[in-house]
Amino acid sequence: MAKRIDKRMTVEIEGDFVVFLIGMRVNRAWKVWKWWPVMMAMPRMLIELAKQPELGLLHARTVFGFPGTMVIQYWRSFEQLHAYATDRTAEHLPAWKAFNNKVGTSGDVGIWHETYLVKAGAYEAVYNGVPLTGLANAGTPVAAEGRRKSARGRLKETDGGDAPDGV
């Protein structure tokens, strides 16, 4: 289990980055032969990406649920994300084509994704009493002190003195 950090922390990440959410939804649970291959494709991709950090994936976390599952991913750039998604030698493109051929728009399984391009400094985060999570695993965790004490300070809009008393 990850170690809990019992103080206020924030995160800094150099330059622009991408937050990519991708998920699937099982619409017809009895059609295991349709949704099981879709569900099993993502772990192969994440293993491939973990072994090749130069491809640009900074961190990924899978959130399991039913009827849907989602993976939160942090990428160094959209260009790297897109290059991976369309690379004929990587795991993603064959899985994408297989989905379109075997499931397509049948409604048996749904897939979705959202891509957010985050400009340098256009984000803020705080963590307290939890293990490092989310963006803190993709960037550099730092103490939420001084300028970093307030949300506006973390966005470099103030010196952090605007934090409410007692926080």
Foldseek 3Di string as FASTA:
>chain_A
DFDWDAAKKKFAAPWKKKKKKKKKFAPAVVPCVLCVLVVVLVVQQVVVCVVPVVLFWQDKDKDDDPRMIMIITMGRDPVSVVCQCPPPVGSNVVSVVVNCVRPNPVRRMGMDMDMDIGGHLNDIDMDHRGGDDDCCSRGPMDHCDFLNVDRCSSSVNDRNPPPDPPD
